[in-house]
Amino acid sequence: MSVIQIKNLTFAYESSYDNIFEDVSFSIDTDWKLGFVGRNGRGKTTFLNLLQGKYEYKGQIISSVKFDYFPYKIADKNRITEDILSEICPQAEEWELIRELSMLDVNSDVLWRTFDTLSNGEQTKILLAGLFLNDNHFLLIDEPTNHLDLKARKTVSEYLNRKKSYILVSHDRNFIDTCVDHILAINRNNIEVQKGNFSCWLENFENRQNLEKLKNEHLKKDIKRLEASAKRISAWSDKVEASKIGNGVADRGYISHKSAKMMKRSKSVESRRKDAVEQKSMLMHNIENAENLKISPLHHHSDMLVSFKNVSPVYDGQPVCKPLTFEIKQGERIFLNGKNGSGKSSILKLLTGDLLSHTGEILTASGLIVSYVSQDTSYLYGNLSEYAYKYSIDESIFKALLRKMDFERVQFEKDISEFSGGQKKKVLIARSLCEKAHLYIWDEPLNFIDIYSRKQIENFIEEYSPTLFAVEHDKSFQDTISTKIINI
């Protein structure tokens, strides 16, 4: 057991005027299982890179352990998996690899297959197993759940729960709750470390937020009262000055004394007002605002929007999954569950009208308008104004939605390709919210998106009840808003 110490850490990218971290100090124990949380763009991945020594910074990072990073970068994925693992964990014996893979529900025969033939879930599990076999290393795990199905997430969370010595970045509430014993949180105005799982931290944080909002309301009233008092004193002072001019010499001593007394009181009121304003400002710096989002779904004259009868996508002449039969009716919020590679994304593409080869019959209501959010964000580039123009959406509404999802105004001038993974997904969701549609089709929309934004999305879906067909493996999100679940 040892301690990782962060002392007076300050860091900013060369292209930025603002510090991402400023004079930050805290300590973490290398035996802890740390959940690392914070809104998109706050610097979680940046901090992991600083621990690895990738950037120059001011201050100190003191550690006696070596850091490993997940996902591990593999130069050639056409190599045999065992050879790749011998590079990641050179001291590990084959029996140890087989033991770890067994705990992750992965058949040992993957060791002798090329890495590129494995599913995303298998690749994730294999890399985690290899990295955990490095003794006395501290693992930095960045978003391991992306593209993992529900079963795989449960398996990986149980595996991590058996381990220690790691920082885990994840926005999946169920996942992170089961496998951490401390939380490292990047808030608006500070970084805090707290013992317990995510639910404990969130409850404490929201209680503090509510208390700070209450204090803020009291301070607003105090400021208003003090400003009114200052105006009254100013009015009285004006009357006294007028009295100086209209009264004789005998009264002037009394008037001057009264004037001095009022001036002293005025300074006291102004000092108290400034203190209240400063306290209010400090409170607001750390309050997380999650304003309500809005959507304008279209109403279709037909209750049934889409009908699938014995449909399965076909690749290389072979059906990808068993034939599916279902209907999508107005107001339904349907989630499609299945293993990675079971054809979920292909089903969604068929719903958008994509001319994929398939079996069975697809019927859609006449004039159906669909809004689609894809998994992929790699094609995004250009600034937000250009993006809004390309998709014929209202730029001001689009940017207002992004502001509500914690975008700073400075982001509006940047190229979207420079955004974090979560910020890119927010661009896709905000664009979809701007599109008036009968049916919203979202393919893993929450990958990389922070927990506060997930709750915002949950709230607006519950309020406006758009017709939604989605693939999303965040169990909390699915449990909250689904009206129907289809399993492949």
Protein backbone atom coordinates (compact mmCIF):
# COMPACT_ATOMS: atom_id res chain seq x y z
CA MET A 1 0.00 0.00 0.00
CA SER A 2 1.24 3.49 -0.90
CA VAL A 3 -0.16 6.94 -1.55
CA ILE A 4 -0.43 8.94 -4.79
CA GLN A 5 -0.08 12.61 -3.92
CA ILE A 6 -1.24 15.50 -6.09
CA LYS A 7 0.23 18.83 -4.92
CA ASN A 8 -0.70 22.24 -6.35
CA LEU A 9 -1.41 20.78 -9.79
CA THR A 10 -2.03 23.39 -12.49
CA PHE A 11 -2.51 22.54 -16.16
CA ALA A 12 -3.81 24.11 -19.36
CA TYR A 13 -3.47 23.06 -22.99
CA GLU A 14 -1.31 25.32 -25.13
CA SER A 15 -4.27 26.28 -27.30
CA SER A 16 -6.43 27.22 -24.27
CA TYR A 17 -6.56 30.41 -22.22
CA ASP A 18 -8.21 28.69 -19.25
CA ASN A 19 -6.68 26.22 -16.80
CA ILE A 20 -8.28 22.81 -16.66
CA PHE A 21 -6.75 22.31 -13.21
CA GLU A 22 -5.63 25.16 -10.98
CA ASP A 23 -3.65 24.64 -7.76
CA VAL A 24 -5.31 21.25 -7.10
CA SER A 25 -4.15 19.11 -4.15
CA PHE A 26 -5.42 15.72 -2.88
CA SER A 27 -4.19 12.20 -2.07
CA ILE A 28 -5.40 8.71 -3.00
CA ASP A 29 -4.44 5.29 -1.67
CA THR A 30 -3.14 2.73 -4.19
CA ASP A 31 -5.31 0.01 -2.57
CA TRP A 32 -8.50 1.88 -3.34
CA LYS A 33 -11.03 1.15 -6.07
CA LEU A 34 -11.76 4.68 -7.23
CA GLY A 35 -14.71 5.75 -9.34
CA PHE A 36 -13.79 8.91 -11.29
CA VAL A 37 -16.80 11.10 -12.12
CA GLY A 38 -17.51 14.56 -13.52
CA ARG A 39 -19.28 16.25 -16.39
CA ASN A 40 -17.95 15.96 -19.95
CA GLY A 41 -15.03 18.24 -20.72
CA ARG A 42 -14.00 18.69 -17.06
CA GLY A 43 -10.66 16.92 -17.55
CA LYS A 44 -11.03 13.27 -16.48
CA THR A 45 -9.07 11.81 -19.39
CA THR A 46 -6.64 14.74 -19.19
CA PHE A 47 -5.92 13.88 -15.55
CA LEU A 48 -5.27 10.24 -16.45
CA ASN A 49 -2.83 11.43 -19.12
CA LEU A 50 -1.08 13.67 -16.55
CA LEU A 51 -0.62 10.68 -14.26
CA GLN A 52 1.08 8.92 -17.16
CA GLY A 53 3.42 11.88 -17.70
CA LYS A 54 2.10 12.70 -21.16
CA TYR A 55 1.93 16.49 -20.60
CA GLU A 56 3.99 19.08 -18.81
CA TYR A 57 2.32 20.66 -15.80
CA LYS A 58 2.98 22.84 -12.76
CA GLY A 59 2.96 21.31 -9.30
CA GLN A 60 3.77 17.74 -8.26
CA ILE A 61 2.46 14.22 -8.86
CA ILE A 62 4.24 11.92 -6.40
CA SER A 63 3.81 8.17 -6.85
CA SER A 64 5.83 4.99 -6.31
CA VAL A 65 3.65 2.87 -8.62
CA LYS A 66 3.65 2.49 -12.39
CA PHE A 67 0.47 3.48 -14.23
CA ASP A 68 -1.16 1.34 -16.94
CA TYR A 69 -3.95 2.70 -19.13
CA PHE A 70 -7.07 1.03 -20.50
CA PRO A 71 -7.83 0.85 -23.39
CA TYR A 72 -4.33 -0.37 -24.24
CA LYS A 73 -3.28 0.72 -27.74
CA ILE A 74 -2.54 -2.20 -30.04
CA ALA A 75 -0.50 -1.37 -33.14
CA ASP A 76 -1.37 -4.53 -35.08
CA LYS A 77 -4.68 -6.24 -34.32
CA ASN A 78 -3.97 -9.01 -36.86
CA ARG A 79 -1.61 -10.67 -34.38
CA ILE A 80 -2.45 -13.73 -32.26
CA THR A 81 -4.12 -12.67 -29.00
CA GLU A 82 -1.61 -14.58 -26.83
CA ASP A 83 1.27 -12.66 -28.45
CA ILE A 84 -0.47 -9.35 -27.72
CA LEU A 85 -0.98 -10.38 -24.08
CA SER A 86 2.69 -11.35 -23.76
CA GLU A 87 3.46 -7.75 -24.71
CA ILE A 88 0.95 -6.31 -22.21
CA CYS A 89 1.87 -8.57 -19.26
CA PRO A 90 5.23 -10.23 -20.07
CA GLN A 91 5.60 -11.87 -16.61
CA ALA A 92 2.23 -13.66 -16.70
CA GLU A 93 2.04 -17.43 -17.17
CA GLU A 94 -0.46 -19.00 -19.56
CA TRP A 95 -2.40 -20.57 -16.67
CA GLU A 96 -2.82 -17.12 -15.14
CA LEU A 97 -4.24 -15.77 -18.41
CA ILE A 98 -6.70 -18.68 -18.60
CA ARG A 99 -7.73 -18.10 -14.95
CA GLU A 100 -8.44 -14.40 -15.54
CA LEU A 101 -10.36 -15.06 -18.77
CA SER A 102 -12.46 -17.67 -16.96
CA MET A 103 -13.44 -15.04 -14.35
CA LEU A 104 -14.51 -12.81 -17.26
CA ASP A 105 -16.56 -15.57 -18.94
CA VAL A 106 -14.22 -15.76 -21.96
CA ASN A 107 -13.25 -19.11 -23.49
CA SER A 108 -9.50 -19.69 -23.46
CA ASP A 109 -9.46 -20.58 -27.16
CA VAL A 110 -9.46 -16.82 -27.93
CA LEU A 111 -5.76 -16.84 -26.98
CA TRP A 112 -4.93 -18.56 -30.25
CA ARG A 113 -7.15 -16.45 -32.49
CA THR A 114 -6.14 -13.16 -34.08
CA PHE A 115 -7.26 -10.20 -31.98
CA ASP A 116 -9.22 -8.54 -34.81
CA THR A 117 -11.58 -11.56 -35.07
CA LEU A 118 -12.81 -11.06 -31.50
CA SER A 119 -15.91 -9.10 -30.54
CA ASN A 120 -15.62 -5.68 -28.85
CA GLY A 121 -16.68 -7.28 -25.58
CA GLU A 122 -14.06 -10.03 -25.82
CA GLN A 123 -11.36 -7.48 -26.66
CA THR A 124 -12.30 -5.34 -23.65
CA LYS A 125 -12.20 -8.32 -21.27
CA ILE A 126 -8.88 -9.61 -22.62
CA LEU A 127 -7.16 -6.23 -22.27
CA LEU A 128 -8.44 -5.82 -18.70
CA ALA A 129 -7.27 -9.34 -17.79
CA GLY A 130 -3.79 -8.67 -19.18
CA LEU A 131 -3.40 -5.29 -17.49
CA PHE A 132 -4.47 -6.64 -14.09
CA LEU A 133 -1.77 -9.33 -14.32
CA ASN A 134 0.93 -6.66 -13.97
CA ASP A 135 1.87 -6.76 -10.29
CA ASN A 136 2.29 -3.49 -8.39
CA HIS A 137 0.80 -1.44 -11.23
CA PHE A 138 -2.05 1.04 -10.77
CA LEU A 139 -4.64 0.76 -13.54
CA LEU A 140 -6.33 3.76 -15.15
CA ILE A 141 -9.55 2.42 -16.71
CA ASP A 142 -11.22 4.88 -19.09
CA GLU A 143 -14.83 4.08 -20.10
CA PRO A 144 -14.64 0.26 -20.33
CA THR A 145 -18.42 -0.18 -20.73
CA ASN A 146 -18.81 1.44 -24.15
CA HIS A 147 -20.26 -1.14 -26.56
CA LEU A 148 -20.58 -3.78 -23.80
CA ASP A 149 -24.02 -5.38 -23.60
CA LEU A 150 -25.86 -5.70 -20.27
CA LYS A 151 -24.59 -9.21 -19.51
CA ALA A 152 -20.98 -8.26 -20.29
CA ARG A 153 -21.24 -5.15 -18.10
CA LYS A 154 -22.39 -7.27 -15.18
CA THR A 155 -19.51 -9.73 -15.73
CA VAL A 156 -16.88 -6.97 -15.93
CA SER A 157 -18.27 -5.17 -12.86
CA GLU A 158 -18.08 -8.42 -10.83
CA TYR A 159 -14.51 -8.93 -12.07
CA LEU A 160 -13.46 -5.41 -11.07
CA ASN A 161 -15.08 -5.88 -7.68
CA ARG A 162 -12.54 -8.66 -6.99
CA LYS A 163 -9.64 -6.35 -7.86
CA LYS A 164 -8.13 -3.20 -6.35
CA SER A 165 -5.65 -0.46 -7.27
CA TYR A 166 -7.47 1.36 -10.04
CA ILE A 167 -9.26 4.51 -11.13
CA LEU A 168 -12.40 3.79 -13.13
CA VAL A 169 -14.02 6.38 -15.40
CA SER A 170 -17.62 5.40 -16.10
CA HIS A 171 -20.98 7.15 -16.41
CA ASP A 172 -23.00 3.94 -16.01
CA ARG A 173 -24.54 4.32 -12.54
CA ASN A 174 -25.28 0.63 -11.93
CA PHE A 175 -21.86 -0.43 -13.18
CA ILE A 176 -19.77 2.01 -11.16
CA ASP A 177 -21.83 1.43 -7.99
CA THR A 178 -20.90 -2.25 -7.83
CA CYS A 179 -17.13 -2.02 -8.16
CA VAL A 180 -15.76 1.07 -6.35
CA ASP A 181 -15.13 1.94 -2.70
CA HIS A 182 -14.13 5.61 -3.17
CA ILE A 183 -15.20 8.42 -5.49
CA LEU A 184 -12.89 10.99 -7.07
CA ALA A 185 -15.14 13.77 -8.38
CA ILE A 186 -14.29 16.76 -10.58
CA ASN A 187 -16.92 19.34 -9.65
CA ARG A 188 -17.41 22.80 -11.15
CA ASN A 189 -15.04 24.46 -8.73
CA ASN A 190 -13.09 21.76 -6.91
CA ILE A 191 -11.95 18.14 -6.81
CA GLU A 192 -13.07 15.96 -3.92
CA VAL A 193 -12.31 12.46 -2.69
CA GLN A 194 -14.95 10.60 -0.69
CA LYS A 195 -15.26 7.10 0.76
CA GLY A 196 -18.15 4.95 -0.48
CA ASN A 197 -19.77 4.05 -3.79
CA PHE A 198 -21.31 6.39 -6.34
CA SER A 199 -24.82 6.35 -4.84
CA CYS A 200 -23.45 7.46 -1.45
CA TRP A 201 -21.43 10.24 -3.06
CA LEU A 202 -24.36 11.39 -5.21
CA GLU A 203 -26.74 11.51 -2.24
CA ASN A 204 -24.24 13.60 -0.24
CA PHE A 205 -23.48 15.81 -3.23
CA GLU A 206 -27.14 16.49 -4.00
CA ASN A 207 -27.82 17.26 -0.33
CA ARG A 208 -24.99 19.80 -0.41
CA GLN A 209 -26.32 21.19 -3.68
CA ASN A 210 -29.80 21.66 -2.20
CA LEU A 211 -28.33 23.31 0.90
CA GLU A 212 -26.21 25.64 -1.25
CA LYS A 213 -29.22 26.55 -3.37
CA LEU A 214 -31.16 27.34 -0.18
CA LYS A 215 -28.28 29.51 1.06
CA ASN A 216 -28.18 31.16 -2.36
CA GLU A 217 -31.87 32.10 -2.09
CA HIS A 218 -31.31 33.56 1.40
CA LEU A 219 -28.32 35.54 0.11
CA LYS A 220 -30.36 36.88 -2.81
CA LYS A 221 -32.96 38.15 -0.33
CA ASP A 222 -30.23 39.65 1.87
CA ILE A 223 -28.65 41.42 -1.11
CA LYS A 224 -32.04 42.81 -2.16
CA ARG A 225 -32.75 44.00 1.42
CA LEU A 226 -29.30 45.60 1.76
CA GLU A 227 -29.63 47.33 -1.62
CA ALA A 228 -33.00 48.75 -0.53
CA SER A 229 -31.42 49.88 2.77
CA ALA A 230 -28.57 51.56 0.87
CA LYS A 231 -31.10 53.47 -1.26
CA ARG A 232 -32.95 54.67 1.87
CA ILE A 233 -29.71 55.82 3.48
CA SER A 234 -28.76 57.61 0.28
CA ALA A 235 -32.14 59.38 0.25
CA TRP A 236 -31.75 60.38 3.91
CA SER A 237 -28.24 61.63 3.20
CA ASP A 238 -29.57 63.81 0.38
CA LYS A 239 -32.12 65.34 2.79
CA VAL A 240 -29.40 66.05 5.36
CA GLU A 241 -27.26 67.76 2.75
CA ALA A 242 -30.25 69.87 1.78
CA SER A 243 -30.71 70.75 5.45
CA LYS A 244 -27.11 71.98 5.64
CA ILE A 245 -27.89 74.57 3.02
CA GLY A 246 -31.25 75.68 4.50
CA ASN A 247 -30.39 75.81 8.23
CA GLY A 248 -28.40 78.30 10.26
CA VAL A 249 -24.91 77.85 11.73
CA ALA A 250 -26.29 76.75 15.14
CA ASP A 251 -27.79 73.59 13.60
CA ARG A 252 -24.87 72.64 11.38
CA GLY A 253 -22.91 70.75 14.07
CA TYR A 254 -25.88 68.48 14.71
CA ILE A 255 -26.44 67.99 10.99
CA SER A 256 -22.75 67.15 10.38
CA HIS A 257 -22.86 64.59 13.20
CA LYS A 258 -26.00 63.02 11.68
CA SER A 259 -24.40 63.02 8.23
CA ALA A 260 -21.27 61.27 9.53
CA LYS A 261 -23.41 58.67 11.30
CA MET A 262 -25.32 57.98 8.06
CA MET A 263 -22.07 57.70 6.09
CA LYS A 264 -20.75 55.16 8.60
CA ARG A 265 -23.98 53.16 8.35
CA SER A 266 -23.88 53.37 4.57
CA LYS A 267 -20.35 51.91 4.52
CA SER A 268 -21.45 49.10 6.84
CA VAL A 269 -24.43 48.25 4.60
CA GLU A 270 -22.26 48.31 1.47
CA SER A 271 -19.65 46.09 3.12
CA ARG A 272 -22.31 43.54 4.12
CA ARG A 273 -23.79 43.66 0.61
CA LYS A 274 -20.38 42.96 -0.97
CA ASP A 275 -19.82 40.04 1.44
CA ALA A 276 -23.23 38.58 0.50
CA VAL A 277 -22.53 38.98 -3.23
CA GLU A 278 -19.13 37.25 -2.82
CA GLN A 279 -20.65 34.38 -0.84
CA LYS A 280 -23.38 33.97 -3.47
CA SER A 281 -20.77 33.89 -6.23
CA MET A 282 -18.74 31.23 -4.43
CA LEU A 283 -21.84 29.10 -3.88
CA MET A 284 -22.89 29.29 -7.54
CA HIS A 285 -19.44 28.23 -8.73
CA ASN A 286 -20.01 24.66 -7.55
CA ILE A 287 -23.73 24.24 -8.24
CA GLU A 288 -24.38 21.79 -11.08
CA ASN A 289 -27.24 23.09 -13.19
CA ALA A 290 -29.21 20.49 -15.12
CA GLU A 291 -31.88 22.54 -16.84
CA ASN A 292 -34.84 20.86 -18.48
CA LEU A 293 -34.47 19.95 -22.15
CA LYS A 294 -37.34 20.21 -24.63
CA ILE A 295 -38.47 18.25 -27.65
CA SER A 296 -41.29 18.72 -30.16
CA PRO A 297 -42.30 15.26 -31.42
CA LEU A 298 -44.73 15.17 -34.31
CA HIS A 299 -48.09 13.45 -33.99
CA HIS A 300 -48.88 10.94 -36.74
CA HIS A 301 -52.43 10.21 -37.87
CA SER A 302 -51.72 6.47 -37.56
CA ASP A 303 -51.25 4.83 -34.17
CA MET A 304 -49.01 2.11 -35.65
CA LEU A 305 -45.81 3.62 -37.04
CA VAL A 306 -43.73 0.54 -37.96
CA SER A 307 -44.39 -3.18 -38.27
CA PHE A 308 -41.69 -5.88 -38.50
CA LYS A 309 -42.78 -9.37 -39.57
CA ASN A 310 -40.14 -12.13 -39.36
CA VAL A 311 -37.34 -9.65 -40.08
CA SER A 312 -33.63 -10.40 -39.78
CA PRO A 313 -30.73 -8.48 -41.36
CA VAL A 314 -28.74 -10.60 -43.82
CA TYR A 315 -24.97 -10.49 -44.32
CA ASP A 316 -23.12 -12.73 -46.80
CA GLY A 317 -26.36 -14.59 -47.40
CA GLN A 318 -26.83 -15.46 -43.72
CA PRO A 319 -29.43 -14.03 -41.27
CA VAL A 320 -27.71 -12.18 -38.43
CA CYS A 321 -30.33 -13.10 -35.80
CA LYS A 322 -33.56 -15.01 -35.38
CA PRO A 323 -36.50 -13.37 -37.19
CA LEU A 324 -38.10 -10.53 -35.23
CA THR A 325 -41.79 -9.65 -35.22
CA PHE A 326 -42.95 -6.48 -33.43
CA GLU A 327 -44.80 -3.19 -33.86
CA ILE A 328 -43.90 0.36 -32.83
CA LYS A 329 -46.90 2.41 -31.74
CA GLN A 330 -47.04 6.12 -30.96
CA GLY A 331 -45.81 6.98 -27.46
CA GLU A 332 -43.94 3.71 -26.96
CA ARG A 333 -40.34 3.73 -25.77
CA ILE A 334 -38.83 0.43 -26.89
CA PHE A 335 -35.35 -0.85 -26.08
CA LEU A 336 -33.61 -3.56 -28.09
CA ASN A 337 -31.37 -5.86 -26.03
CA GLY A 338 -28.92 -8.48 -27.24
CA LYS A 339 -25.27 -9.53 -27.25
CA ASN A 340 -22.63 -7.59 -29.13
CA GLY A 341 -22.76 -8.62 -32.78
CA SER A 342 -26.36 -9.85 -32.59
CA GLY A 343 -27.58 -7.34 -35.18
CA LYS A 344 -29.04 -4.57 -33.02
CA SER A 345 -27.51 -1.68 -35.00
CA SER A 346 -28.61 -3.31 -38.25
CA ILE A 347 -32.21 -3.50 -36.99
CA LEU A 348 -32.08 0.22 -36.19
CA LYS A 349 -30.72 1.03 -39.64
CA LEU A 350 -33.60 -0.92 -41.22
CA LEU A 351 -35.99 1.24 -39.18
CA THR A 352 -34.44 4.37 -40.69
CA GLY A 353 -35.15 3.07 -44.20
CA ASP A 354 -31.63 1.86 -44.91
CA LEU A 355 -31.71 -0.60 -47.80
CA LEU A 356 -29.90 -3.41 -45.99
CA SER A 357 -30.57 -6.92 -47.19
CA HIS A 358 -33.07 -8.64 -44.88
CA THR A 359 -35.65 -11.36 -44.54
CA GLY A 360 -39.33 -10.76 -43.75
CA GLU A 361 -41.53 -7.70 -44.26
CA ILE A 362 -41.19 -4.11 -42.98
CA LEU A 363 -44.23 -1.82 -43.10
CA THR A 364 -44.01 1.87 -42.21
CA ALA A 365 -46.76 4.46 -41.85
CA SER A 366 -47.04 6.88 -44.78
CA GLY A 367 -45.12 10.12 -44.35
CA LEU A 368 -43.19 8.82 -41.33
CA ILE A 369 -40.39 11.20 -40.28
CA VAL A 370 -37.48 9.65 -38.38
CA SER A 371 -34.63 11.22 -36.39
CA TYR A 372 -31.56 8.97 -36.05
CA VAL A 373 -28.60 9.08 -33.65
CA SER A 374 -25.80 6.70 -34.61
CA GLN A 375 -23.10 5.13 -32.44
CA ASP A 376 -20.36 6.59 -34.62
CA THR A 377 -19.05 10.12 -34.04
CA SER A 378 -15.83 9.84 -36.08
CA TYR A 379 -17.34 11.70 -39.05
CA LEU A 380 -18.05 14.89 -37.08
CA TYR A 381 -16.07 17.97 -38.09
CA GLY A 382 -16.50 21.71 -38.62
CA ASN A 383 -17.97 24.17 -36.13
CA LEU A 384 -21.46 24.00 -34.65
CA SER A 385 -22.87 26.69 -36.94
CA GLU A 386 -21.81 24.69 -40.01
CA TYR A 387 -23.27 21.51 -38.47
CA ALA A 388 -26.63 23.22 -37.80
CA TYR A 389 -26.74 24.53 -41.39
CA LYS A 390 -25.91 21.08 -42.80
CA TYR A 391 -28.86 19.49 -40.96
CA SER A 392 -31.25 22.44 -41.48
CA ILE A 393 -31.89 22.93 -37.77
CA ASP A 394 -32.34 26.19 -35.86
CA GLU A 395 -28.82 27.22 -34.79
CA SER A 396 -29.90 29.27 -31.77
CA ILE A 397 -32.09 26.45 -30.35
CA PHE A 398 -29.34 23.90 -31.09
CA LYS A 399 -26.72 25.92 -29.19
CA ALA A 400 -29.14 26.69 -26.35
CA LEU A 401 -29.66 22.94 -25.86
CA LEU A 402 -25.90 22.37 -25.77
CA ARG A 403 -25.54 25.17 -23.20
CA LYS A 404 -28.10 23.36 -21.04
CA MET A 405 -25.95 20.22 -21.36
CA ASP A 406 -22.96 22.08 -19.87
CA PHE A 407 -21.26 23.35 -23.04
CA GLU A 408 -19.18 26.49 -22.49
CA ARG A 409 -19.58 29.23 -25.10
CA VAL A 410 -15.92 28.87 -26.08
CA GLN A 411 -16.81 25.41 -27.49
CA PHE A 412 -19.03 27.03 -30.11
CA GLU A 413 -16.03 28.25 -32.10
CA LYS A 414 -14.03 25.02 -31.90
CA ASP A 415 -13.99 22.26 -34.48
CA ILE A 416 -16.27 19.41 -33.39
CA SER A 417 -13.46 16.92 -34.11
CA GLU A 418 -11.63 18.41 -31.08
CA PHE A 419 -14.54 17.73 -28.69
CA SER A 420 -14.42 14.98 -26.06
CA GLY A 421 -16.31 11.75 -26.76
CA GLY A 422 -19.19 12.83 -24.51
CA GLN A 423 -19.42 16.28 -26.10
CA LYS A 424 -19.65 14.70 -29.57
CA LYS A 425 -22.53 12.50 -28.45
CA LYS A 426 -24.27 15.58 -27.01
CA VAL A 427 -23.99 17.23 -30.43
CA LEU A 428 -25.82 14.27 -31.99
CA ILE A 429 -28.53 14.26 -29.30
CA ALA A 430 -29.04 18.05 -29.43
CA ARG A 431 -29.41 17.84 -33.21
CA SER A 432 -31.99 15.06 -32.82
CA LEU A 433 -33.90 17.13 -30.24
CA CYS A 434 -34.06 19.97 -32.78
CA GLU A 435 -35.57 17.68 -35.41
CA LYS A 436 -39.34 17.37 -35.39
CA ALA A 437 -40.01 13.69 -35.97
CA HIS A 438 -42.63 11.00 -35.41
CA LEU A 439 -40.03 8.41 -34.39
CA TYR A 440 -36.64 8.84 -32.67
CA ILE A 441 -34.14 6.03 -33.27
CA TRP A 442 -31.06 6.18 -31.03
CA ASP A 443 -28.14 3.73 -31.19
CA GLU A 444 -26.22 3.73 -27.87
CA PRO A 445 -26.76 7.47 -27.40
CA LEU A 446 -25.27 7.64 -23.89
CA ASN A 447 -21.75 6.39 -24.63
CA PHE A 448 -19.31 8.81 -22.91
CA ILE A 449 -22.15 11.09 -21.70
CA ASP A 450 -21.95 12.25 -18.08
CA ILE A 451 -24.47 11.26 -15.45
CA TYR A 452 -26.10 14.69 -15.09
CA SER A 453 -26.82 14.84 -18.82
CA ARG A 454 -28.21 11.29 -18.70
CA LYS A 455 -30.66 12.41 -16.03
CA GLN A 456 -31.61 15.46 -18.14
CA ILE A 457 -32.35 13.16 -21.08
CA GLU A 458 -34.40 10.83 -18.86
CA ASN A 459 -36.45 13.77 -17.57
CA PHE A 460 -37.36 15.21 -20.96
CA ILE A 461 -38.29 11.79 -22.36
CA GLU A 462 -40.63 11.21 -19.42
CA GLU A 463 -42.12 14.71 -19.81
CA TYR A 464 -42.65 14.82 -23.59
CA SER A 465 -43.14 11.09 -24.31
CA PRO A 466 -41.59 10.92 -27.78
CA THR A 467 -41.86 7.63 -29.63
CA LEU A 468 -38.41 6.11 -29.13
CA PHE A 469 -36.70 2.97 -30.35
CA ALA A 470 -33.21 2.59 -28.86
CA VAL A 471 -30.25 0.42 -28.09
CA GLU A 472 -28.74 1.48 -24.76
CA HIS A 473 -27.00 -0.65 -22.14
CA ASP A 474 -27.30 1.76 -19.20
CA LYS A 475 -29.67 -0.27 -17.02
CA SER A 476 -30.79 2.70 -14.90
CA PHE A 477 -31.72 4.65 -18.03
CA GLN A 478 -33.51 1.68 -19.56
CA ASP A 479 -35.43 0.85 -16.38
CA THR A 480 -36.54 4.47 -15.97
CA ILE A 481 -37.99 5.21 -19.41
CA SER A 482 -38.71 1.96 -21.28
CA THR A 483 -42.29 0.89 -21.95
CA LYS A 484 -41.26 -2.30 -23.76
CA ILE A 485 -38.07 -4.37 -24.16
CA ILE A 486 -37.34 -6.63 -27.14
CA ASN A 487 -34.64 -9.27 -26.67
CA ILE A 488 -32.70 -10.68 -29.61
